[in-house]
Amino acid sequence: MNLIPALDIIENCVVRLTQGDYNQKKIYSDNPVAVARKFKDSGVKRLHLVDLDGAREGKPVHTTLFGEIKKQTQCIIEAGGGIRSLEDFEQYFQCGLNVNEDFIMIGSLPLKEPDEFKKIRNKYLRNILLTVDVWERNVKISGWKVDTNIHIMDYLKDMEKLGIKNILVTQIKRDGMLTGPDIDLYKEISKQFPSFKTIVSGGISNINEASDLNLIPGINGFIVGRAFYENKISLNDIQKYHS
């Protein structure tokens, strides 16, 4: 199971938002490449890169930076933020991500722009990491601002029919709260959709919680964000995890 550090980027700085609120922003570094290299040196194989400026503006902003992180670390990259079209999706590959191993995150597109999503799915199905953000069990989109009133299990059933294999599920109410992951949610997903490779996001507070997640079939990784930047998980912990 992959330990996947998150680098959320605003104005070329590594930040964390609390429950997706841009007004609750904390800056941790003004050198994302250096942070990524520290993770790589600690044994990390995969990085989670979020273009928060892109998400807010509705178009990719930091693809060049993400390409440089790829070049400097050679980690598997999952990146996204602001993707509204096939052309946006392809920008990541044009800036250095590898179509043979990296993932591009798509969130709201299947519900807001289904035709564009279909274009991407037809050409890059293997590269799609579908991000599903939920409050309790209801799917939210548009930076967590819009409640779709769609139950996550109904949504995942539709996505499974479309051939989606890789998903990242964030429990919003736990994001940045360091209260532990929503174990019950991930057990439900595992039971109903054994074909998915699921990444856990939201609430990871210490390295020991990985052992609980590791017992759930289909969990492919977990995101470490605030827990690292607030010194709840150290580089030494990450090194031990990968040793």
C-alpha atoms as a PDB file:
ATOM      1  CA  MET A   1       0.000   0.000   0.000  1.00  0.00           C
ATOM      2  CA  ASN A   2       1.423   3.326  -1.102  1.00  0.00           C
ATOM      3  CA  LEU A   3       2.087   6.165   1.306  1.00  0.00           C
ATOM      4  CA  ILE A   4       1.401   9.171  -0.922  1.00  0.00           C
ATOM      5  CA  PRO A   5       2.470  12.623   0.298  1.00  0.00           C
ATOM      6  CA  ALA A   6       0.332  15.521  -0.857  1.00  0.00           C
ATOM      7  CA  LEU A   7       1.740  18.763  -2.196  1.00  0.00           C
ATOM      8  CA  ASP A   8      -1.088  21.249  -2.558  1.00  0.00           C
ATOM      9  CA  ILE A   9       0.125  24.262  -4.525  1.00  0.00           C
ATOM     10  CA  ILE A  10      -0.968  27.897  -4.429  1.00  0.00           C
ATOM     11  CA  GLU A  11       1.280  30.536  -6.015  1.00  0.00           C
ATOM     12  CA  ASN A  12       4.189  28.069  -6.153  1.00  0.00           C
ATOM     13  CA  CYS A  13       3.987  27.378  -2.413  1.00  0.00           C
ATOM     14  CA  VAL A  14       3.104  24.150  -0.613  1.00  0.00           C
ATOM     15  CA  VAL A  15      -0.015  24.827   1.452  1.00  0.00           C
ATOM     16  CA  ARG A  16      -2.797  23.046   3.258  1.00  0.00           C
ATOM     17  CA  LEU A  17      -6.421  24.078   3.319  1.00  0.00           C
ATOM     18  CA  THR A  18      -8.797  23.020   6.075  1.00  0.00           C
ATOM     19  CA  GLN A  19     -11.823  21.257   4.554  1.00  0.00           C
ATOM     20  CA  GLY A  20     -11.041  22.870   1.203  1.00  0.00           C
ATOM     21  CA  ASP A  21     -11.485  26.431   2.461  1.00  0.00           C
ATOM     22  CA  TYR A  22      -9.141  28.862   0.654  1.00  0.00           C
ATOM     23  CA  ASN A  23      -9.590  31.242   3.578  1.00  0.00           C
ATOM     24  CA  GLN A  24      -8.063  28.628   5.885  1.00  0.00           C
ATOM     25  CA  LYS A  25      -4.705  28.388   4.132  1.00  0.00           C
ATOM     26  CA  LYS A  26      -1.401  27.634   5.803  1.00  0.00           C
ATOM     27  CA  ILE A  27       1.884  27.910   3.884  1.00  0.00           C
ATOM     28  CA  TYR A  28       4.521  25.254   4.618  1.00  0.00           C
ATOM     29  CA  SER A  29       7.163  25.816   1.933  1.00  0.00           C
ATOM     30  CA  ASP A  30       7.987  28.085  -0.991  1.00  0.00           C
ATOM     31  CA  ASN A  31      10.030  25.342  -2.675  1.00  0.00           C
ATOM     32  CA  PRO A  32       7.765  22.464  -3.785  1.00  0.00           C
ATOM     33  CA  VAL A  33      10.545  20.734  -5.742  1.00  0.00           C
ATOM     34  CA  ALA A  34      12.757  20.563  -2.653  1.00  0.00           C
ATOM     35  CA  VAL A  35       9.878  19.155  -0.605  1.00  0.00           C
ATOM     36  CA  ALA A  36       9.191  16.530  -3.270  1.00  0.00           C
ATOM     37  CA  ARG A  37      12.866  15.527  -3.340  1.00  0.00           C
ATOM     38  CA  LYS A  38      12.848  15.033   0.445  1.00  0.00           C
ATOM     39  CA  PHE A  39       9.942  12.652   0.059  1.00  0.00           C
ATOM     40  CA  LYS A  40      11.729  10.815  -2.739  1.00  0.00           C
ATOM     41  CA  ASP A  41      14.858  10.477  -0.588  1.00  0.00           C
ATOM     42  CA  SER A  42      12.695   8.967   2.171  1.00  0.00           C
ATOM     43  CA  GLY A  43      11.564   6.145  -0.083  1.00  0.00           C
ATOM     44  CA  VAL A  44       8.320   7.564  -1.432  1.00  0.00           C
ATOM     45  CA  LYS A  45       7.358   6.141  -4.824  1.00  0.00           C
ATOM     46  CA  ARG A  46       4.268   8.217  -5.552  1.00  0.00           C
ATOM     47  CA  LEU A  47       3.300  11.881  -5.094  1.00  0.00           C
ATOM     48  CA  HIS A  48      -0.075  13.605  -4.994  1.00  0.00           C
ATOM     49  CA  LEU A  49       0.115  17.059  -6.617  1.00  0.00           C
ATOM     50  CA  VAL A  50      -2.851  19.426  -6.463  1.00  0.00           C
ATOM     51  CA  ASP A  51      -3.045  22.628  -8.483  1.00  0.00           C
ATOM     52  CA  LEU A  52      -5.258  24.689  -6.190  1.00  0.00           C
ATOM     53  CA  ASP A  53      -4.831  27.787  -8.338  1.00  0.00           C
ATOM     54  CA  GLY A  54      -5.988  25.737 -11.294  1.00  0.00           C
ATOM     55  CA  ALA A  55      -8.970  24.393  -9.388  1.00  0.00           C
ATOM     56  CA  ARG A  56      -9.999  27.928  -8.504  1.00  0.00           C
ATOM     57  CA  GLU A  57      -9.421  29.382 -11.991  1.00  0.00           C
ATOM     58  CA  GLY A  58     -10.876  26.446 -13.923  1.00  0.00           C
ATOM     59  CA  LYS A  59      -7.741  25.762 -15.976  1.00  0.00           C
ATOM     60  CA  PRO A  60      -4.379  24.129 -15.206  1.00  0.00           C
ATOM     61  CA  VAL A  61      -1.815  26.593 -13.826  1.00  0.00           C
ATOM     62  CA  HIS A  62       1.075  24.550 -12.446  1.00  0.00           C
ATOM     63  CA  THR A  63       1.683  21.869 -15.075  1.00  0.00           C
ATOM     64  CA  THR A  64       5.244  23.099 -15.678  1.00  0.00           C
ATOM     65  CA  LEU A  65       6.035  22.869 -11.964  1.00  0.00           C
ATOM     66  CA  PHE A  66       4.557  19.377 -11.813  1.00  0.00           C
ATOM     67  CA  GLY A  67       6.647  18.351 -14.809  1.00  0.00           C
ATOM     68  CA  GLU A  68       9.755  19.579 -13.005  1.00  0.00           C
ATOM     69  CA  ILE A  69       8.821  17.587  -9.891  1.00  0.00           C
ATOM     70  CA  LYS A  70       8.464  14.523 -12.100  1.00  0.00           C
ATOM     71  CA  LYS A  71      11.860  15.172 -13.658  1.00  0.00           C
ATOM     72  CA  GLN A  72      13.571  15.706 -10.294  1.00  0.00           C
ATOM     73  CA  THR A  73      12.031  12.724  -8.465  1.00  0.00           C
ATOM     74  CA  GLN A  74      10.968  10.171 -11.094  1.00  0.00           C
ATOM     75  CA  CYS A  75       8.115   9.277  -8.737  1.00  0.00           C
ATOM     76  CA  ILE A  76       4.755   8.138 -10.042  1.00  0.00           C
ATOM     77  CA  ILE A  77       2.689  11.301 -10.135  1.00  0.00           C
ATOM     78  CA  GLU A  78      -1.011  11.802  -9.609  1.00  0.00           C
ATOM     79  CA  ALA A  79      -1.831  15.403 -10.452  1.00  0.00           C
ATOM     80  CA  GLY A  80      -4.819  17.583 -11.133  1.00  0.00           C
ATOM     81  CA  GLY A  81      -6.721  20.777 -10.588  1.00  0.00           C
ATOM     82  CA  GLY A  82      -8.780  22.794 -13.018  1.00  0.00           C
ATOM     83  CA  ILE A  83      -9.175  20.179 -15.743  1.00  0.00           C
ATOM     84  CA  ARG A  84     -12.184  21.024 -17.887  1.00  0.00           C
ATOM     85  CA  SER A  85     -11.318  19.404 -21.221  1.00  0.00           C
ATOM     86  CA  LEU A  86      -9.245  16.831 -23.076  1.00  0.00           C
ATOM     87  CA  GLU A  87      -6.792  19.616 -23.941  1.00  0.00           C
ATOM     88  CA  ASP A  88      -6.359  20.468 -20.238  1.00  0.00           C
ATOM     89  CA  PHE A  89      -5.766  16.794 -19.481  1.00  0.00           C
ATOM     90  CA  GLU A  90      -3.104  16.512 -22.162  1.00  0.00           C
ATOM     91  CA  GLN A  91      -1.199  19.559 -20.876  1.00  0.00           C
ATOM     92  CA  TYR A  92       0.200  17.398 -18.093  1.00  0.00           C
ATOM     93  CA  PHE A  93       1.795  15.001 -20.551  1.00  0.00           C
ATOM     94  CA  GLN A  94       3.120  17.860 -22.661  1.00  0.00           C
ATOM     95  CA  CYS A  95       4.884  19.253 -19.574  1.00  0.00           C
ATOM     96  CA  GLY A  96       6.666  16.047 -18.634  1.00  0.00           C
ATOM     97  CA  LEU A  97       4.314  13.567 -16.983  1.00  0.00           C
ATOM     98  CA  ASN A  98       4.531  10.035 -18.367  1.00  0.00           C
ATOM     99  CA  VAL A  99       1.494   8.603 -20.129  1.00  0.00           C
ATOM    100  CA  ASN A 100       2.749   5.096 -19.352  1.00  0.00           C
ATOM    101  CA  GLU A 101       2.782   5.456 -15.564  1.00  0.00           C
ATOM    102  CA  ASP A 102       1.284   8.691 -14.234  1.00  0.00           C
ATOM    103  CA  PHE A 103      -2.293   9.597 -13.326  1.00  0.00           C
ATOM    104  CA  ILE A 104      -4.344  12.726 -13.903  1.00  0.00           C
ATOM    105  CA  MET A 105      -7.082  13.473 -11.408  1.00  0.00           C
ATOM    106  CA  ILE A 106     -10.595  14.214 -12.567  1.00  0.00           C
ATOM    107  CA  GLY A 107     -13.306  15.234 -10.148  1.00  0.00           C
ATOM    108  CA  SER A 108     -16.337  17.256 -11.253  1.00  0.00           C
ATOM    109  CA  LEU A 109     -16.047  16.596 -14.981  1.00  0.00           C
ATOM    110  CA  PRO A 110     -18.195  13.420 -15.236  1.00  0.00           C
ATOM    111  CA  LEU A 111     -21.131  15.329 -13.768  1.00  0.00           C
ATOM    112  CA  LYS A 112     -20.538  18.817 -15.172  1.00  0.00           C
ATOM    113  CA  GLU A 113     -19.069  18.056 -18.617  1.00  0.00           C
ATOM    114  CA  PRO A 114     -19.911  14.423 -19.449  1.00  0.00           C
ATOM    115  CA  ASP A 115     -19.019  14.833 -23.126  1.00  0.00           C
ATOM    116  CA  GLU A 116     -15.506  16.055 -22.301  1.00  0.00           C
ATOM    117  CA  PHE A 117     -15.130  13.269 -19.769  1.00  0.00           C
ATOM    118  CA  LYS A 118     -16.100  10.760 -22.453  1.00  0.00           C
ATOM    119  CA  LYS A 119     -13.368  12.111 -24.759  1.00  0.00           C
ATOM    120  CA  ILE A 120     -10.759  11.710 -22.029  1.00  0.00           C
ATOM    121  CA  ARG A 121     -12.023   8.274 -21.047  1.00  0.00           C
ATOM    122  CA  ASN A 122     -11.919   7.051 -24.637  1.00  0.00           C
ATOM    123  CA  LYS A 123      -8.295   8.128 -25.057  1.00  0.00           C
ATOM    124  CA  TYR A 124      -6.737   7.956 -21.586  1.00  0.00           C
ATOM    125  CA  LEU A 125      -8.775   5.544 -19.472  1.00  0.00           C
ATOM    126  CA  ARG A 126      -5.659   4.030 -17.925  1.00  0.00           C
ATOM    127  CA  ASN A 127      -4.463   7.474 -16.747  1.00  0.00           C
ATOM    128  CA  ILE A 128      -7.643   8.610 -15.034  1.00  0.00           C
ATOM    129  CA  LEU A 129      -7.647   8.829 -11.257  1.00  0.00           C
ATOM    130  CA  LEU A 130     -11.252   9.637 -10.437  1.00  0.00           C
ATOM    131  CA  THR A 131     -11.465  11.831  -7.356  1.00  0.00           C
ATOM    132  CA  VAL A 132     -14.684  11.420  -5.407  1.00  0.00           C
ATOM    133  CA  ASP A 133     -15.275  13.915  -2.621  1.00  0.00           C
ATOM    134  CA  VAL A 134     -17.988  13.163  -0.106  1.00  0.00           C
ATOM    135  CA  TRP A 135     -19.546  14.708   2.952  1.00  0.00           C
ATOM    136  CA  GLU A 136     -20.768  11.699   4.898  1.00  0.00           C
ATOM    137  CA  ARG A 137     -21.940   9.682   1.850  1.00  0.00           C
ATOM    138  CA  ASN A 138     -23.055  12.437  -0.526  1.00  0.00           C
ATOM    139  CA  VAL A 139     -20.880  13.437  -3.471  1.00  0.00           C
ATOM    140  CA  LYS A 140     -19.752  17.063  -3.646  1.00  0.00           C
ATOM    141  CA  ILE A 141     -18.203  18.792  -6.654  1.00  0.00           C
ATOM    142  CA  SER A 142     -16.779  22.171  -7.682  1.00  0.00           C
ATOM    143  CA  GLY A 143     -14.193  22.374  -4.939  1.00  0.00           C
ATOM    144  CA  TRP A 144     -16.581  20.829  -2.416  1.00  0.00           C
ATOM    145  CA  LYS A 145     -18.977  23.764  -2.764  1.00  0.00           C
ATOM    146  CA  VAL A 146     -21.837  21.987  -4.572  1.00  0.00           C
ATOM    147  CA  ASP A 147     -23.797  19.098  -3.080  1.00  0.00           C
ATOM    148  CA  THR A 148     -24.984  16.799  -5.863  1.00  0.00           C
ATOM    149  CA  ASN A 149     -27.385  14.853  -3.617  1.00  0.00           C
ATOM    150  CA  ILE A 150     -25.921  11.729  -5.232  1.00  0.00           C
ATOM    151  CA  HIS A 151     -24.989   8.867  -2.917  1.00  0.00           C
ATOM    152  CA  ILE A 152     -21.408   7.776  -3.405  1.00  0.00           C
ATOM    153  CA  MET A 153     -22.329   4.139  -3.995  1.00  0.00           C
ATOM    154  CA  ASP A 154     -24.720   5.093  -6.798  1.00  0.00           C
ATOM    155  CA  TYR A 155     -22.046   7.280  -8.360  1.00  0.00           C
ATOM    156  CA  LEU A 156     -19.369   4.601  -8.137  1.00  0.00           C
ATOM    157  CA  LYS A 157     -21.737   2.096  -9.730  1.00  0.00           C
ATOM    158  CA  ASP A 158     -22.054   4.409 -12.748  1.00  0.00           C
ATOM    159  CA  MET A 159     -18.289   4.946 -12.914  1.00  0.00           C
ATOM    160  CA  GLU A 160     -17.614   1.214 -12.694  1.00  0.00           C
ATOM    161  CA  LYS A 161     -19.828   0.691 -15.742  1.00  0.00           C
ATOM    162  CA  LEU A 162     -17.647   3.194 -17.619  1.00  0.00           C
ATOM    163  CA  GLY A 163     -14.538   1.152 -16.925  1.00  0.00           C
ATOM    164  CA  ILE A 164     -12.978   3.338 -14.236  1.00  0.00           C
ATOM    165  CA  LYS A 165     -10.484   1.371 -12.129  1.00  0.00           C
ATOM    166  CA  ASN A 166      -8.600   3.942 -10.026  1.00  0.00           C
ATOM    167  CA  ILE A 167     -10.401   6.152  -7.524  1.00  0.00           C
ATOM    168  CA  LEU A 168      -9.388   8.542  -4.777  1.00  0.00           C
ATOM    169  CA  VAL A 169     -12.075   9.056  -2.160  1.00  0.00           C
ATOM    170  CA  THR A 170     -11.897  12.016   0.216  1.00  0.00           C
ATOM    171  CA  GLN A 171     -14.048  12.249   3.297  1.00  0.00           C
ATOM    172  CA  ILE A 172     -14.334  16.034   3.437  1.00  0.00           C
ATOM    173  CA  LYS A 173     -15.444  16.302   7.042  1.00  0.00           C
ATOM    174  CA  ARG A 174     -12.170  14.668   8.091  1.00  0.00           C
ATOM    175  CA  ASP A 175      -9.870  16.462   5.665  1.00  0.00           C
ATOM    176  CA  GLY A 176      -7.161  18.347   7.524  1.00  0.00           C
ATOM    177  CA  MET A 177      -8.746  17.485  10.866  1.00  0.00           C
ATOM    178  CA  LEU A 178      -6.290  14.725  11.944  1.00  0.00           C
ATOM    179  CA  THR A 179      -9.167  12.644  13.296  1.00  0.00           C
ATOM    180  CA  GLY A 180      -8.366   9.410  11.465  1.00  0.00           C
ATOM    181  CA  PRO A 181      -9.773   8.074   8.176  1.00  0.00           C
ATOM    182  CA  ASP A 182     -13.391   7.045   7.684  1.00  0.00           C
ATOM    183  CA  ILE A 183     -12.710   3.310   7.909  1.00  0.00           C
ATOM    184  CA  ASP A 184     -16.382   2.366   7.527  1.00  0.00           C
ATOM    185  CA  LEU A 185     -16.640   4.249   4.239  1.00  0.00           C
ATOM    186  CA  TYR A 186     -13.672   2.439   2.730  1.00  0.00           C
ATOM    187  CA  LYS A 187     -14.939  -0.919   3.936  1.00  0.00           C
ATOM    188  CA  GLU A 188     -18.260  -0.227   2.197  1.00  0.00           C
ATOM    189  CA  ILE A 189     -16.499   0.659  -1.049  1.00  0.00           C
ATOM    190  CA  SER A 190     -14.278  -2.418  -0.851  1.00  0.00           C
ATOM    191  CA  LYS A 191     -17.254  -4.695  -0.294  1.00  0.00           C
ATOM    192  CA  GLN A 192     -19.407  -3.276  -3.087  1.00  0.00           C
ATOM    193  CA  PHE A 193     -16.656  -2.561  -5.628  1.00  0.00           C
ATOM    194  CA  PRO A 194     -13.810  -5.065  -5.279  1.00  0.00           C
ATOM    195  CA  SER A 195     -12.480  -4.151  -8.738  1.00  0.00           C
ATOM    196  CA  PHE A 196     -11.518  -0.612  -7.729  1.00  0.00           C
ATOM    197  CA  LYS A 197      -8.039   0.397  -6.640  1.00  0.00           C
ATOM    198  CA  THR A 198      -8.877   2.932  -3.958  1.00  0.00           C
ATOM    199  CA  ILE A 199      -6.761   5.687  -2.464  1.00  0.00           C
ATOM    200  CA  VAL A 200      -7.772   7.005   0.945  1.00  0.00           C
ATOM    201  CA  SER A 201      -7.817  10.737   1.641  1.00  0.00           C
ATOM    202  CA  GLY A 202      -8.939  12.683   4.671  1.00  0.00           C
ATOM    203  CA  GLY A 203      -8.050  12.435   8.328  1.00  0.00           C
ATOM    204  CA  ILE A 204      -4.794  10.463   8.416  1.00  0.00           C
ATOM    205  CA  SER A 205      -3.193  11.521  11.705  1.00  0.00           C
ATOM    206  CA  ASN A 206      -0.366   9.059  12.289  1.00  0.00           C
ATOM    207  CA  ILE A 207       1.532   6.295  10.555  1.00  0.00           C
ATOM    208  CA  ASN A 208      -0.100   3.556  12.646  1.00  0.00           C
ATOM    209  CA  GLU A 209      -3.440   4.140  10.930  1.00  0.00           C
ATOM    210  CA  ALA A 210      -1.954   2.556   7.828  1.00  0.00           C
ATOM    211  CA  SER A 211      -2.244  -0.835   9.496  1.00  0.00           C
ATOM    212  CA  ASP A 212      -6.040  -0.469   9.775  1.00  0.00           C
ATOM    213  CA  LEU A 213      -6.297   0.521   6.120  1.00  0.00           C
ATOM    214  CA  ASN A 214      -4.050  -2.340   5.068  1.00  0.00           C
ATOM    215  CA  LEU A 215      -6.687  -4.791   6.280  1.00  0.00           C
ATOM    216  CA  ILE A 216      -9.216  -3.496   3.754  1.00  0.00           C
ATOM    217  CA  PRO A 217      -9.026  -5.246   0.351  1.00  0.00           C
ATOM    218  CA  GLY A 218      -8.574  -2.943  -2.620  1.00  0.00           C
ATOM    219  CA  ILE A 219      -6.887  -0.075  -0.777  1.00  0.00           C
ATOM    220  CA  ASN A 220      -4.005   0.985  -3.001  1.00  0.00           C
ATOM    221  CA  GLY A 221      -2.653   3.871  -0.962  1.00  0.00           C
ATOM    222  CA  PHE A 222      -3.325   6.693   1.458  1.00  0.00           C
ATOM    223  CA  ILE A 223      -2.678  10.415   1.274  1.00  0.00           C
ATOM    224  CA  VAL A 224      -0.489  12.035   3.911  1.00  0.00           C
ATOM    225  CA  GLY A 225      -0.962  15.778   4.081  1.00  0.00           C
ATOM    226  CA  ARG A 226      -1.390  17.867   7.165  1.00  0.00           C
ATOM    227  CA  ALA A 227      -0.166  15.048   9.411  1.00  0.00           C
ATOM    228  CA  PHE A 228       3.292  15.435   7.867  1.00  0.00           C
ATOM    229  CA  TYR A 229       3.336  19.203   7.709  1.00  0.00           C
ATOM    230  CA  GLU A 230       2.177  19.436  11.333  1.00  0.00           C
ATOM    231  CA  ASN A 231       4.877  16.934  12.442  1.00  0.00           C
ATOM    232  CA  LYS A 232       2.482  14.111  13.313  1.00  0.00           C
ATOM    233  CA  ILE A 233       4.272  11.964  10.729  1.00  0.00           C
ATOM    234  CA  SER A 234       8.000  12.506  10.237  1.00  0.00           C
ATOM    235  CA  LEU A 235      10.379  11.783   7.382  1.00  0.00           C
ATOM    236  CA  ASN A 236      11.800   9.104   9.650  1.00  0.00           C
ATOM    237  CA  ASP A 237       8.335   7.528   9.924  1.00  0.00           C
ATOM    238  CA  ILE A 238       8.087   7.562   6.136  1.00  0.00           C
ATOM    239  CA  GLN A 239      11.510   5.957   5.803  1.00  0.00           C
ATOM    240  CA  LYS A 240      10.560   3.208   8.256  1.00  0.00           C
ATOM    241  CA  TYR A 241       7.284   2.628   6.427  1.00  0.00           C
ATOM    242  CA  HIS A 242       9.185   1.996   3.193  1.00  0.00           C
ATOM    243  CA  SER A 243      11.977  -0.063   4.728  1.00  0.00           C
END
